[in-house]
């Protein structure tokens, strides 16, 4: 797994990419949500740069020893902890968590892999309050 500089846009974007792919695929609703949230701009990237980070992350996952994409799209706890540790700026952590929650909520289904990434970020970053302070998602009409 490649490393990125501490608090870099790429390190932050990779956590969003992990959330996006943690259920085994990147759905249209999730990708559309990234655009609606202006995720690339919020992370200091262009849309193309954000997609390049997602692509690079997919390459890293495919180079793992896991035989299937579903297994490869889930990283082990140690790798997840290392990825989360690359972001230690409190404001950036809040921004990344907000983007990740938006991605997870986009398809109105929280998969086990998505939940695991969110819970790990909340635990490691100490952001329990951030989840509790979020407004309730709008219910479909």
C-alpha atoms as a PDB file:
ATOM      1  CA  UNK A   1       0.000   0.000   0.000  1.00  0.00           C
ATOM      2  CA  UNK A   2       1.520   3.332  -1.020  1.00  0.00           C
ATOM      3  CA  UNK A   3       2.050   6.070   1.552  1.00  0.00           C
ATOM      4  CA  UNK A   4       1.043   9.709   1.268  1.00  0.00           C
ATOM      5  CA  UNK A   5       2.371  12.742   3.136  1.00  0.00           C
ATOM      6  CA  UNK A   6       0.702  13.521   6.451  1.00  0.00           C
ATOM      7  CA  UNK A   7      -2.567  15.439   6.017  1.00  0.00           C
ATOM      8  CA  UNK A   8      -2.159  15.550   2.250  1.00  0.00           C
ATOM      9  CA  UNK A   9      -5.221  15.748   0.028  1.00  0.00           C
ATOM     10  CA  UNK A  10      -4.317  12.297  -1.288  1.00  0.00           C
ATOM     11  CA  UNK A  11      -4.144  10.735   2.207  1.00  0.00           C
ATOM     12  CA  UNK A  12      -7.567  12.174   3.006  1.00  0.00           C
ATOM     13  CA  UNK A  13      -9.006  11.158  -0.365  1.00  0.00           C
ATOM     14  CA  UNK A  14      -7.783   7.600   0.060  1.00  0.00           C
ATOM     15  CA  UNK A  15      -9.870   7.244   3.230  1.00  0.00           C
ATOM     16  CA  UNK A  16     -12.903   8.437   1.274  1.00  0.00           C
ATOM     17  CA  UNK A  17     -11.967   5.962  -1.481  1.00  0.00           C
ATOM     18  CA  UNK A  18     -11.754   3.161   1.078  1.00  0.00           C
ATOM     19  CA  UNK A  19     -15.226   4.023   2.318  1.00  0.00           C
ATOM     20  CA  UNK A  20     -16.496   4.166  -1.255  1.00  0.00           C
ATOM     21  CA  UNK A  21     -15.143   0.694  -2.029  1.00  0.00           C
ATOM     22  CA  UNK A  22     -15.563  -0.992   1.361  1.00  0.00           C
ATOM     23  CA  UNK A  23     -18.822  -2.655   0.311  1.00  0.00           C
ATOM     24  CA  UNK A  24     -17.132  -4.216  -2.719  1.00  0.00           C
ATOM     25  CA  UNK A  25     -18.115  -1.682  -5.386  1.00  0.00           C
ATOM     26  CA  UNK A  26     -18.520   2.021  -6.091  1.00  0.00           C
ATOM     27  CA  UNK A  27     -22.183   2.567  -6.870  1.00  0.00           C
ATOM     28  CA  UNK A  28     -23.539   5.387  -8.988  1.00  0.00           C
ATOM     29  CA  UNK A  29     -25.391   6.898  -6.014  1.00  0.00           C
ATOM     30  CA  UNK A  30     -22.138   7.018  -4.042  1.00  0.00           C
ATOM     31  CA  UNK A  31     -20.167   8.551  -6.900  1.00  0.00           C
ATOM     32  CA  UNK A  32     -22.915  11.106  -7.504  1.00  0.00           C
ATOM     33  CA  UNK A  33     -22.844  11.964  -3.791  1.00  0.00           C
ATOM     34  CA  UNK A  34     -19.119  12.721  -3.997  1.00  0.00           C
ATOM     35  CA  UNK A  35     -19.901  15.220  -6.750  1.00  0.00           C
ATOM     36  CA  UNK A  36     -22.853  16.750  -4.863  1.00  0.00           C
ATOM     37  CA  UNK A  37     -20.728  17.176  -1.738  1.00  0.00           C
ATOM     38  CA  UNK A  38     -17.923  18.730  -3.771  1.00  0.00           C
ATOM     39  CA  UNK A  39     -15.599  16.142  -2.256  1.00  0.00           C
ATOM     40  CA  UNK A  40     -12.682  16.858  -4.560  1.00  0.00           C
ATOM     41  CA  UNK A  41     -12.720  20.593  -3.798  1.00  0.00           C
ATOM     42  CA  UNK A  42     -13.224  19.969  -0.073  1.00  0.00           C
ATOM     43  CA  UNK A  43     -10.082  17.851  -0.105  1.00  0.00           C
ATOM     44  CA  UNK A  44      -8.059  20.306  -2.187  1.00  0.00           C
ATOM     45  CA  UNK A  45      -8.108  18.204  -5.340  1.00  0.00           C
ATOM     46  CA  UNK A  46      -9.594  18.408  -8.787  1.00  0.00           C
ATOM     47  CA  UNK A  47     -12.212  15.837  -9.734  1.00  0.00           C
ATOM     48  CA  UNK A  48      -9.617  14.092 -11.918  1.00  0.00           C
ATOM     49  CA  UNK A  49      -7.106  14.004  -9.047  1.00  0.00           C
ATOM     50  CA  UNK A  50      -9.705  12.487  -6.718  1.00  0.00           C
ATOM     51  CA  UNK A  51     -10.494   9.819  -9.308  1.00  0.00           C
ATOM     52  CA  UNK A  52      -6.759   9.163  -9.688  1.00  0.00           C
ATOM     53  CA  UNK A  53      -6.485   8.510  -5.936  1.00  0.00           C
ATOM     54  CA  UNK A  54      -9.460   6.124  -6.121  1.00  0.00           C
ATOM     55  CA  UNK A  55      -7.838   4.371  -9.102  1.00  0.00           C
ATOM     56  CA  UNK A  56      -4.470   4.118  -7.312  1.00  0.00           C
ATOM     57  CA  UNK A  57      -6.200   2.700  -4.249  1.00  0.00           C
ATOM     58  CA  UNK A  58      -7.899   0.070  -6.425  1.00  0.00           C
ATOM     59  CA  UNK A  59      -4.495  -0.857  -7.849  1.00  0.00           C
ATOM     60  CA  UNK A  60      -3.096  -1.224  -4.326  1.00  0.00           C
ATOM     61  CA  UNK A  61      -6.024  -3.434  -3.339  1.00  0.00           C
ATOM     62  CA  UNK A  62      -5.648  -5.611  -6.424  1.00  0.00           C
ATOM     63  CA  UNK A  63      -1.959  -6.139  -5.620  1.00  0.00           C
ATOM     64  CA  UNK A  64      -2.909  -7.610  -2.246  1.00  0.00           C
ATOM     65  CA  UNK A  65      -2.866 -11.331  -1.636  1.00  0.00           C
ATOM     66  CA  UNK A  66      -6.661 -11.584  -1.426  1.00  0.00           C
ATOM     67  CA  UNK A  67      -8.059 -13.797  -4.192  1.00  0.00           C
ATOM     68  CA  UNK A  68     -11.343 -11.957  -4.753  1.00  0.00           C
ATOM     69  CA  UNK A  69     -12.340  -8.307  -5.164  1.00  0.00           C
ATOM     70  CA  UNK A  70     -14.815  -8.502  -2.274  1.00  0.00           C
ATOM     71  CA  UNK A  71     -12.038  -9.637   0.058  1.00  0.00           C
ATOM     72  CA  UNK A  72      -9.485  -7.254  -1.469  1.00  0.00           C
ATOM     73  CA  UNK A  73     -11.800  -4.270  -0.970  1.00  0.00           C
ATOM     74  CA  UNK A  74     -11.524  -4.739   2.796  1.00  0.00           C
ATOM     75  CA  UNK A  75      -8.215  -3.802   4.391  1.00  0.00           C
ATOM     76  CA  UNK A  76      -6.897  -5.362   7.578  1.00  0.00           C
ATOM     77  CA  UNK A  77      -7.025  -3.435  10.867  1.00  0.00           C
ATOM     78  CA  UNK A  78      -3.324  -2.594  10.799  1.00  0.00           C
ATOM     79  CA  UNK A  79      -3.502  -1.136   7.286  1.00  0.00           C
ATOM     80  CA  UNK A  80      -6.673   0.758   8.141  1.00  0.00           C
ATOM     81  CA  UNK A  81      -5.014   2.197  11.247  1.00  0.00           C
ATOM     82  CA  UNK A  82      -1.994   3.283   9.211  1.00  0.00           C
ATOM     83  CA  UNK A  83      -4.208   4.956   6.611  1.00  0.00           C
ATOM     84  CA  UNK A  84      -6.214   6.780   9.285  1.00  0.00           C
ATOM     85  CA  UNK A  85      -3.005   7.880  11.021  1.00  0.00           C
ATOM     86  CA  UNK A  86      -1.960   9.753   7.867  1.00  0.00           C
ATOM     87  CA  UNK A  87      -4.661  12.306   8.726  1.00  0.00           C
ATOM     88  CA  UNK A  88      -4.171  13.958  12.109  1.00  0.00           C
ATOM     89  CA  UNK A  89      -5.404  17.500  11.479  1.00  0.00           C
ATOM     90  CA  UNK A  90      -8.690  17.858  13.434  1.00  0.00           C
ATOM     91  CA  UNK A  91     -10.463  19.966  10.801  1.00  0.00           C
ATOM     92  CA  UNK A  92      -9.419  17.589   8.012  1.00  0.00           C
ATOM     93  CA  UNK A  93     -10.562  14.601  10.067  1.00  0.00           C
ATOM     94  CA  UNK A  94     -13.999  16.202  10.500  1.00  0.00           C
ATOM     95  CA  UNK A  95     -14.194  16.934   6.765  1.00  0.00           C
ATOM     96  CA  UNK A  96     -13.160  13.396   5.805  1.00  0.00           C
ATOM     97  CA  UNK A  97     -15.629  11.847   8.241  1.00  0.00           C
ATOM     98  CA  UNK A  98     -18.425  14.032   6.861  1.00  0.00           C
ATOM     99  CA  UNK A  99     -17.588  12.954   3.305  1.00  0.00           C
ATOM    100  CA  UNK A 100     -17.387   9.296   4.306  1.00  0.00           C
ATOM    101  CA  UNK A 101     -20.760   9.424   6.048  1.00  0.00           C
ATOM    102  CA  UNK A 102     -22.235  11.082   2.957  1.00  0.00           C
ATOM    103  CA  UNK A 103     -20.900   8.286   0.757  1.00  0.00           C
ATOM    104  CA  UNK A 104     -22.248   5.617   3.091  1.00  0.00           C
ATOM    105  CA  UNK A 105     -25.700   7.225   3.280  1.00  0.00           C
ATOM    106  CA  UNK A 106     -25.918   7.802  -0.489  1.00  0.00           C
ATOM    107  CA  UNK A 107     -27.530   4.464  -1.320  1.00  0.00           C
ATOM    108  CA  UNK A 108     -29.645   4.279   1.868  1.00  0.00           C
ATOM    109  CA  UNK A 109     -27.820   1.098   2.920  1.00  0.00           C
ATOM    110  CA  UNK A 110     -24.935   0.717   5.343  1.00  0.00           C
ATOM    111  CA  UNK A 111     -22.872  -2.332   4.464  1.00  0.00           C
ATOM    112  CA  UNK A 112     -20.727  -4.078   7.065  1.00  0.00           C
ATOM    113  CA  UNK A 113     -17.510  -2.892   5.404  1.00  0.00           C
ATOM    114  CA  UNK A 114     -18.715   0.711   5.354  1.00  0.00           C
ATOM    115  CA  UNK A 115     -19.691   0.544   9.001  1.00  0.00           C
ATOM    116  CA  UNK A 116     -16.299  -0.924   9.920  1.00  0.00           C
ATOM    117  CA  UNK A 117     -14.438   1.941   8.234  1.00  0.00           C
ATOM    118  CA  UNK A 118     -16.619   4.609   9.861  1.00  0.00           C
ATOM    119  CA  UNK A 119     -16.362   3.053  13.312  1.00  0.00           C
ATOM    120  CA  UNK A 120     -12.591   2.691  13.014  1.00  0.00           C
ATOM    121  CA  UNK A 121     -12.249   6.353  12.025  1.00  0.00           C
ATOM    122  CA  UNK A 122     -14.512   7.515  14.843  1.00  0.00           C
ATOM    123  CA  UNK A 123     -12.603   5.408  17.377  1.00  0.00           C
ATOM    124  CA  UNK A 124      -9.071   6.233  16.195  1.00  0.00           C
ATOM    125  CA  UNK A 125      -9.797   9.917  15.661  1.00  0.00           C
ATOM    126  CA  UNK A 126     -11.967  10.343  18.771  1.00  0.00           C
ATOM    127  CA  UNK A 127     -14.841  11.827  16.764  1.00  0.00           C
ATOM    128  CA  UNK A 128     -17.815  10.313  18.573  1.00  0.00           C
ATOM    129  CA  UNK A 129     -19.259  13.808  18.970  1.00  0.00           C
ATOM    130  CA  UNK A 130     -19.104  14.431  15.213  1.00  0.00           C
ATOM    131  CA  UNK A 131     -21.512  11.578  14.494  1.00  0.00           C
ATOM    132  CA  UNK A 132     -23.893  12.678  17.223  1.00  0.00           C
ATOM    133  CA  UNK A 133     -23.969  16.284  16.024  1.00  0.00           C
ATOM    134  CA  UNK A 134     -24.837  15.436  12.406  1.00  0.00           C
ATOM    135  CA  UNK A 135     -28.375  16.309  11.345  1.00  0.00           C
ATOM    136  CA  UNK A 136     -30.615  13.345  10.625  1.00  0.00           C
ATOM    137  CA  UNK A 137     -30.571  12.319   6.942  1.00  0.00           C
ATOM    138  CA  UNK A 138     -33.550  13.409   4.897  1.00  0.00           C
ATOM    139  CA  UNK A 139     -36.059  10.651   4.337  1.00  0.00           C
ATOM    140  CA  UNK A 140     -37.065   9.915   0.749  1.00  0.00           C
ATOM    141  CA  UNK A 141     -40.535  11.183  -0.163  1.00  0.00           C
END
